[in-house]
Amino acid sequence: MRLLLLALLLLAPVSCRTIQSPTGYLPLEPHGELVYHAVAPNGNRIEIREHENREEGTVDYWARAVRRELVEGRGYSVQGEREIRSRDEAPGREILFSAEHQLREYLYLVAITADAGRVQIVEAGGERTALEPDLPAIRAMVDTLD
């Protein structure tokens, strides 16, 4: 019983954290490796994943891995990139990607923060015309994350 209680307490910071969804986004029950998942009626979505940073990979390492997967592996192009910091001052990088699919242009925002213990990846995607107006609110949400 004590072991179960200890395990629940260790998981509490991730599973019980409160994340303020941008206006118009409905938070859904996270599934799989997600710690946060929200959708908007226009099809936009936001997901947050957290992984243990066992090898203490730097933000540069994780950003290169994401860029390679999306550009070389999936055909996205990089629209912009900027340095960010989490609320607890972990270094990070935001990369905005775009791709065309079935004659529609899509945007995909990826924000990565990493410290010695954890990698956090925020992903937001949708059609350009739907996601672009939401980017300031999504970025504001990212700025409040630990």
C-alpha atoms as a PDB file:
ATOM      1  CA  MET A   1       0.000   0.000   0.000  1.00  0.00           C
ATOM      2  CA  ARG A   2       2.789   2.436   0.888  1.00  0.00           C
ATOM      3  CA  LEU A   3       4.538   1.631  -2.379  1.00  0.00           C
ATOM      4  CA  LEU A   4       1.341   2.397  -4.342  1.00  0.00           C
ATOM      5  CA  LEU A   5       0.934   5.716  -2.520  1.00  0.00           C
ATOM      6  CA  LEU A   6       4.561   6.639  -3.204  1.00  0.00           C
ATOM      7  CA  ALA A   7       4.128   5.808  -6.907  1.00  0.00           C
ATOM      8  CA  LEU A   8       0.999   7.986  -7.113  1.00  0.00           C
ATOM      9  CA  LEU A   9       2.772  10.884  -5.434  1.00  0.00           C
ATOM     10  CA  LEU A  10       5.683  10.642  -7.855  1.00  0.00           C
ATOM     11  CA  LEU A  11       3.298  10.740 -10.818  1.00  0.00           C
ATOM     12  CA  ALA A  12       1.181  13.589  -9.450  1.00  0.00           C
ATOM     13  CA  PRO A  13       3.142  16.552 -10.867  1.00  0.00           C
ATOM     14  CA  VAL A  14       2.684  15.304 -14.419  1.00  0.00           C
ATOM     15  CA  SER A  15      -0.829  13.893 -14.319  1.00  0.00           C
ATOM     16  CA  CYS A  16      -2.463  16.492 -12.044  1.00  0.00           C
ATOM     17  CA  ARG A  17      -0.942  19.648 -13.478  1.00  0.00           C
ATOM     18  CA  THR A  18      -3.377  22.365 -14.514  1.00  0.00           C
ATOM     19  CA  ILE A  19      -2.871  23.740 -18.015  1.00  0.00           C
ATOM     20  CA  GLN A  20      -4.936  26.725 -19.120  1.00  0.00           C
ATOM     21  CA  SER A  21      -6.316  25.945 -22.577  1.00  0.00           C
ATOM     22  CA  PRO A  22      -6.490  28.782 -25.105  1.00  0.00           C
ATOM     23  CA  THR A  23      -9.999  30.170 -25.648  1.00  0.00           C
ATOM     24  CA  GLY A  24     -11.992  27.924 -27.954  1.00  0.00           C
ATOM     25  CA  TYR A  25      -9.990  24.769 -27.213  1.00  0.00           C
ATOM     26  CA  LEU A  26     -11.626  21.914 -25.343  1.00  0.00           C
ATOM     27  CA  PRO A  27      -9.236  19.854 -23.222  1.00  0.00           C
ATOM     28  CA  LEU A  28      -9.749  16.124 -23.696  1.00  0.00           C
ATOM     29  CA  GLU A  29      -8.549  13.199 -21.623  1.00  0.00           C
ATOM     30  CA  PRO A  30      -4.869  12.652 -22.474  1.00  0.00           C
ATOM     31  CA  HIS A  31      -4.059   9.250 -23.914  1.00  0.00           C
ATOM     32  CA  GLY A  32      -0.878   7.314 -24.529  1.00  0.00           C
ATOM     33  CA  GLU A  33       2.177   9.424 -23.831  1.00  0.00           C
ATOM     34  CA  LEU A  34       0.245  12.711 -23.886  1.00  0.00           C
ATOM     35  CA  VAL A  35      -0.002  14.806 -20.727  1.00  0.00           C
ATOM     36  CA  TYR A  36      -2.345  17.305 -22.417  1.00  0.00           C
ATOM     37  CA  HIS A  37      -4.620  17.166 -25.454  1.00  0.00           C
ATOM     38  CA  ALA A  38      -7.075  19.837 -26.642  1.00  0.00           C
ATOM     39  CA  VAL A  39      -9.045  20.440 -29.820  1.00  0.00           C
ATOM     40  CA  ALA A  40     -10.933  23.354 -31.373  1.00  0.00           C
ATOM     41  CA  PRO A  41     -14.106  23.082 -33.488  1.00  0.00           C
ATOM     42  CA  ASN A  42     -12.143  24.139 -36.591  1.00  0.00           C
ATOM     43  CA  GLY A  43      -9.925  21.052 -36.315  1.00  0.00           C
ATOM     44  CA  ASN A  44      -6.888  22.646 -34.657  1.00  0.00           C
ATOM     45  CA  ARG A  45      -5.268  20.540 -31.966  1.00  0.00           C
ATOM     46  CA  ILE A  46      -2.707  20.993 -29.217  1.00  0.00           C
ATOM     47  CA  GLU A  47      -0.792  18.138 -27.601  1.00  0.00           C
ATOM     48  CA  ILE A  48       1.893  18.049 -24.953  1.00  0.00           C
ATOM     49  CA  ARG A  49       4.253  15.126 -24.454  1.00  0.00           C
ATOM     50  CA  GLU A  50       6.853  14.700 -21.749  1.00  0.00           C
ATOM     51  CA  HIS A  51       9.749  12.275 -21.794  1.00  0.00           C
ATOM     52  CA  GLU A  52      12.531  11.518 -19.398  1.00  0.00           C
ATOM     53  CA  ASN A  53      15.741  13.092 -20.689  1.00  0.00           C
ATOM     54  CA  ARG A  54      17.878  10.074 -19.777  1.00  0.00           C
ATOM     55  CA  GLU A  55      20.835  11.021 -21.928  1.00  0.00           C
ATOM     56  CA  GLU A  56      20.491  14.695 -20.998  1.00  0.00           C
ATOM     57  CA  GLY A  57      19.993  15.718 -24.623  1.00  0.00           C
ATOM     58  CA  THR A  58      20.208  19.450 -25.191  1.00  0.00           C
ATOM     59  CA  VAL A  59      17.517  21.598 -26.769  1.00  0.00           C
ATOM     60  CA  ASP A  60      19.698  21.734 -29.899  1.00  0.00           C
ATOM     61  CA  TYR A  61      19.749  17.933 -30.049  1.00  0.00           C
ATOM     62  CA  TRP A  62      15.959  17.623 -29.727  1.00  0.00           C
ATOM     63  CA  ALA A  63      15.300  20.490 -32.164  1.00  0.00           C
ATOM     64  CA  ARG A  64      17.567  18.886 -34.775  1.00  0.00           C
ATOM     65  CA  ALA A  65      15.767  15.546 -34.318  1.00  0.00           C
ATOM     66  CA  VAL A  66      12.325  17.151 -34.732  1.00  0.00           C
ATOM     67  CA  ARG A  67      13.456  19.249 -37.713  1.00  0.00           C
ATOM     68  CA  ARG A  68      14.960  16.210 -39.421  1.00  0.00           C
ATOM     69  CA  GLU A  69      11.828  14.095 -38.897  1.00  0.00           C
ATOM     70  CA  LEU A  70       9.450  16.781 -40.152  1.00  0.00           C
ATOM     71  CA  VAL A  71      11.528  18.254 -42.996  1.00  0.00           C
ATOM     72  CA  GLU A  72      13.323  15.197 -44.341  1.00  0.00           C
ATOM     73  CA  GLY A  73      10.830  12.556 -43.259  1.00  0.00           C
ATOM     74  CA  ARG A  74       7.471  14.241 -43.801  1.00  0.00           C
ATOM     75  CA  GLY A  75       8.101  17.049 -46.295  1.00  0.00           C
ATOM     76  CA  TYR A  76       7.445  20.071 -44.063  1.00  0.00           C
ATOM     77  CA  SER A  77       9.336  23.332 -44.513  1.00  0.00           C
ATOM     78  CA  VAL A  78      10.576  25.555 -41.692  1.00  0.00           C
ATOM     79  CA  GLN A  79       8.746  28.902 -41.552  1.00  0.00           C
ATOM     80  CA  GLY A  80      10.448  30.300 -38.465  1.00  0.00           C
ATOM     81  CA  GLU A  81      12.368  29.480 -35.342  1.00  0.00           C
ATOM     82  CA  ARG A  82      12.982  31.239 -32.033  1.00  0.00           C
ATOM     83  CA  GLU A  83      14.496  30.610 -28.614  1.00  0.00           C
ATOM     84  CA  ILE A  84      12.056  30.251 -25.721  1.00  0.00           C
ATOM     85  CA  ARG A  85      12.195  29.516 -21.976  1.00  0.00           C
ATOM     86  CA  SER A  86       9.744  27.653 -19.813  1.00  0.00           C
ATOM     87  CA  ARG A  87       8.282  29.301 -16.735  1.00  0.00           C
ATOM     88  CA  ASP A  88      10.902  27.488 -14.647  1.00  0.00           C
ATOM     89  CA  GLU A  89      13.648  28.814 -16.992  1.00  0.00           C
ATOM     90  CA  ALA A  90      14.397  25.591 -18.869  1.00  0.00           C
ATOM     91  CA  PRO A  91      15.858  26.499 -22.282  1.00  0.00           C
ATOM     92  CA  GLY A  92      13.733  25.826 -25.318  1.00  0.00           C
ATOM     93  CA  ARG A  93      13.123  26.279 -29.005  1.00  0.00           C
ATOM     94  CA  GLU A  94       9.991  26.938 -30.993  1.00  0.00           C
ATOM     95  CA  ILE A  95       9.866  25.902 -34.650  1.00  0.00           C
ATOM     96  CA  LEU A  96       6.998  26.707 -37.001  1.00  0.00           C
ATOM     97  CA  PHE A  97       6.585  24.330 -39.930  1.00  0.00           C
ATOM     98  CA  SER A  98       4.258  24.342 -42.932  1.00  0.00           C
ATOM     99  CA  ALA A  99       3.184  21.754 -45.473  1.00  0.00           C
ATOM    100  CA  GLU A 100       0.639  21.428 -48.235  1.00  0.00           C
ATOM    101  CA  HIS A 101      -1.778  18.516 -48.232  1.00  0.00           C
ATOM    102  CA  GLN A 102      -4.649  18.053 -50.682  1.00  0.00           C
ATOM    103  CA  LEU A 103      -4.307  21.664 -51.892  1.00  0.00           C
ATOM    104  CA  ARG A 104      -4.520  23.092 -48.367  1.00  0.00           C
ATOM    105  CA  GLU A 105      -1.680  24.621 -46.386  1.00  0.00           C
ATOM    106  CA  TYR A 106      -1.142  23.447 -42.838  1.00  0.00           C
ATOM    107  CA  LEU A 107       0.929  24.894 -39.997  1.00  0.00           C
ATOM    108  CA  TYR A 108       2.582  22.833 -37.305  1.00  0.00           C
ATOM    109  CA  LEU A 109       4.079  24.566 -34.274  1.00  0.00           C
ATOM    110  CA  VAL A 110       6.537  22.608 -32.136  1.00  0.00           C
ATOM    111  CA  ALA A 111       7.899  24.027 -28.872  1.00  0.00           C
ATOM    112  CA  ILE A 112      10.603  22.017 -27.113  1.00  0.00           C
ATOM    113  CA  THR A 113      12.045  22.588 -23.648  1.00  0.00           C
ATOM    114  CA  ALA A 114      14.683  20.371 -22.099  1.00  0.00           C
ATOM    115  CA  ASP A 115      16.619  20.201 -18.882  1.00  0.00           C
ATOM    116  CA  ALA A 116      18.671  17.469 -17.268  1.00  0.00           C
ATOM    117  CA  GLY A 117      15.610  15.487 -16.237  1.00  0.00           C
ATOM    118  CA  ARG A 118      12.832  16.084 -18.751  1.00  0.00           C
ATOM    119  CA  VAL A 119      11.968  16.940 -22.353  1.00  0.00           C
ATOM    120  CA  GLN A 120       8.639  18.633 -22.974  1.00  0.00           C
ATOM    121  CA  ILE A 121       7.249  18.892 -26.504  1.00  0.00           C
ATOM    122  CA  VAL A 122       4.212  21.016 -27.320  1.00  0.00           C
ATOM    123  CA  GLU A 123       2.659  20.428 -30.727  1.00  0.00           C
ATOM    124  CA  ALA A 124      -0.103  22.526 -32.293  1.00  0.00           C
ATOM    125  CA  GLY A 125      -1.421  21.957 -35.784  1.00  0.00           C
ATOM    126  CA  GLY A 126      -4.165  22.901 -38.176  1.00  0.00           C
ATOM    127  CA  GLU A 127      -4.960  24.565 -41.475  1.00  0.00           C
ATOM    128  CA  ARG A 128      -3.033  27.815 -41.847  1.00  0.00           C
ATOM    129  CA  THR A 129      -6.177  29.959 -42.022  1.00  0.00           C
ATOM    130  CA  ALA A 130      -7.494  28.387 -38.805  1.00  0.00           C
ATOM    131  CA  LEU A 131      -4.269  28.073 -36.784  1.00  0.00           C
ATOM    132  CA  GLU A 132      -2.554  31.366 -37.621  1.00  0.00           C
ATOM    133  CA  PRO A 133      -5.016  33.538 -35.626  1.00  0.00           C
ATOM    134  CA  ASP A 134      -4.600  31.184 -32.620  1.00  0.00           C
ATOM    135  CA  LEU A 135      -0.785  31.255 -32.562  1.00  0.00           C
ATOM    136  CA  PRO A 136      -0.504  34.167 -30.064  1.00  0.00           C
ATOM    137  CA  ALA A 137      -2.784  32.366 -27.575  1.00  0.00           C
ATOM    138  CA  ILE A 138      -0.979  29.051 -28.081  1.00  0.00           C
ATOM    139  CA  ARG A 139       2.392  30.748 -27.567  1.00  0.00           C
ATOM    140  CA  ALA A 140       1.055  32.414 -24.407  1.00  0.00           C
ATOM    141  CA  MET A 141      -0.003  28.974 -23.142  1.00  0.00           C
ATOM    142  CA  VAL A 142       3.486  27.586 -23.876  1.00  0.00           C
ATOM    143  CA  ASP A 143       5.021  30.484 -21.902  1.00  0.00           C
ATOM    144  CA  THR A 144       3.100  29.408 -18.774  1.00  0.00           C
ATOM    145  CA  LEU A 145       4.290  25.784 -18.787  1.00  0.00           C
ATOM    146  CA  ASP A 146       6.817  24.478 -16.264  1.00  0.00           C
END
